[in-house]
Amino acid sequence: MDSELKKYLLEQCRDWMLDEEKVVLRRLGLTEYGEITTRKSALAQHKMELLYRFQDNIVNEMVSLGKTQAEENIAKRILEDNPSIINNCSKCGKLARTPRARQCRHCGNKWFE
């Protein structure tokens, strides 16, 4: 999967993500090299554990794959479950900015209804 399509799916298609996948992306954004970089008070740490589901085996398994592989797996699943989510320009065939975009950012073609 090319990086433009992966970025498109991860940034523009969050509505189609599972709750676990959203938590995984949040946790991967919170961590650096697999280690939590912020240390807080006991209450804040407890809230973080609840919010980021540190006890959830599914989330932990996905996080253990690493950022690159987890993002790739999430993007592939979204694409498999929603193949019509890809919005390509009818003129140049390149990927539009969002699933609802009606103007190509590459060639300027418009396909308004």
Protein backbone atom coordinates (compact mmCIF):
# COMPACT_ATOMS: atom_id res chain seq x y z
CA MET A 1 0.00 0.00 0.00
CA ASP A 2 1.45 3.36 -0.96
CA SER A 3 1.97 6.02 1.67
CA GLU A 4 -0.54 8.47 0.16
CA LEU A 5 -3.37 5.92 0.29
CA LYS A 6 -2.42 4.86 3.83
CA LYS A 7 -2.39 8.49 5.01
CA TYR A 8 -5.76 9.07 3.29
CA LEU A 9 -7.33 6.06 5.02
CA LEU A 10 -5.90 6.83 8.48
CA GLU A 11 -6.67 10.55 8.46
CA GLN A 12 -9.90 10.82 6.47
CA CYS A 13 -11.66 7.54 7.29
CA ARG A 14 -11.69 7.47 11.09
CA ASP A 15 -15.47 6.92 11.07
CA TRP A 16 -14.85 3.47 9.62
CA MET A 17 -12.28 2.46 12.27
CA LEU A 18 -13.08 0.07 15.09
CA ASP A 19 -12.83 1.43 18.64
CA GLU A 20 -9.77 -0.74 19.28
CA GLU A 21 -8.03 0.68 16.22
CA LYS A 22 -8.63 4.25 17.38
CA VAL A 23 -7.15 3.39 20.79
CA VAL A 24 -4.14 1.76 19.13
CA LEU A 25 -3.44 4.88 17.08
CA ARG A 26 -3.80 7.08 20.17
CA ARG A 27 -1.43 4.84 22.13
CA LEU A 28 1.10 4.75 19.32
CA GLY A 29 1.00 8.54 19.23
CA LEU A 30 1.58 8.60 23.00
CA THR A 31 4.59 6.31 22.89
CA GLU A 32 8.07 6.62 21.55
CA TYR A 33 9.91 3.40 20.71
CA GLY A 34 7.26 1.42 22.59
CA GLU A 35 7.86 3.21 25.90
CA ILE A 36 5.42 5.68 27.43
CA THR A 37 7.18 9.02 27.41
CA THR A 38 5.03 10.87 29.94
CA ARG A 39 4.97 10.06 33.64
CA LYS A 40 2.11 11.51 35.66
CA SER A 41 0.62 11.31 39.12
CA ALA A 42 -1.08 8.11 40.24
CA LEU A 43 -4.55 9.43 39.35
CA ALA A 44 -3.44 10.64 35.94
CA GLN A 45 -1.68 7.31 35.34
CA HIS A 46 -4.87 5.43 36.26
CA LYS A 47 -6.93 7.58 33.87
CA MET A 48 -4.38 6.96 31.13
CA GLU A 49 -4.60 3.22 31.71
CA LEU A 50 -8.38 3.34 31.36
CA LEU A 51 -8.33 5.63 28.33
CA TYR A 52 -5.60 3.76 26.46
CA ARG A 53 -6.77 0.28 27.55
CA PHE A 54 -3.44 -1.06 28.81
CA GLN A 55 -5.22 -4.20 30.06
CA ASP A 56 -6.91 -4.96 26.70
CA ASN A 57 -5.15 -7.91 25.02
CA ILE A 58 -6.36 -7.04 21.52
CA VAL A 59 -5.05 -3.48 21.79
CA ASN A 60 -1.78 -4.64 23.34
CA GLU A 61 -1.26 -7.14 20.53
CA MET A 62 -1.83 -4.49 17.86
CA VAL A 63 0.46 -2.00 19.63
CA SER A 64 3.20 -4.61 19.91
CA LEU A 65 3.34 -4.81 16.10
CA GLY A 66 4.79 -1.32 16.01
CA LYS A 67 3.50 1.89 14.49
CA THR A 68 4.21 1.12 10.84
CA GLN A 69 2.71 -2.38 10.83
CA ALA A 70 -0.30 -1.43 12.97
CA GLU A 71 -1.14 1.51 10.68
CA GLU A 72 -0.74 -0.73 7.63
CA ASN A 73 -3.08 -3.36 9.10
CA ILE A 74 -5.71 -0.78 10.04
CA ALA A 75 -5.60 0.83 6.59
CA LYS A 76 -5.90 -2.57 4.87
CA ARG A 77 -8.90 -3.53 7.01
CA ILE A 78 -10.68 -0.26 6.29
CA LEU A 79 -10.07 -0.70 2.56
CA GLU A 80 -11.24 -4.33 2.56
CA ASP A 81 -14.44 -3.52 4.47
CA ASN A 82 -15.21 -0.34 2.46
CA PRO A 83 -13.76 -0.62 -1.07
CA SER A 84 -15.96 2.23 -2.34
CA ILE A 85 -14.33 4.69 0.09
CA ILE A 86 -11.56 5.47 -2.39
CA ASN A 87 -12.35 8.70 -4.22
CA ASN A 88 -10.28 8.94 -7.40
CA CYS A 89 -10.45 11.69 -9.99
CA SER A 90 -12.26 10.58 -13.15
CA LYS A 91 -9.86 12.59 -15.31
CA CYS A 92 -6.35 11.86 -13.95
CA GLY A 93 -7.16 8.89 -11.68
CA LYS A 94 -5.27 10.27 -8.69
CA LEU A 95 -6.58 10.16 -5.13
CA ALA A 96 -8.80 13.05 -4.05
CA ARG A 97 -8.13 14.81 -0.76
CA THR A 98 -11.13 13.28 1.11
CA PRO A 99 -13.82 10.65 0.45
CA ARG A 100 -16.36 13.43 -0.15
CA ALA A 101 -14.17 15.74 -2.25
CA ARG A 102 -15.59 16.73 -5.63
CA GLN A 103 -12.57 18.52 -7.04
CA CYS A 104 -9.18 17.02 -7.84
CA ARG A 105 -6.27 18.65 -6.05
CA HIS A 106 -3.89 17.41 -8.75
CA CYS A 107 -5.51 18.42 -12.06
CA GLY A 108 -8.37 20.69 -10.93
CA ASN A 109 -11.10 18.53 -12.49
CA LYS A 110 -14.53 19.07 -10.90
CA TRP A 111 -17.30 16.46 -10.67
CA PHE A 112 -19.97 18.37 -8.78
CA GLU A 113 -23.50 17.00 -9.04
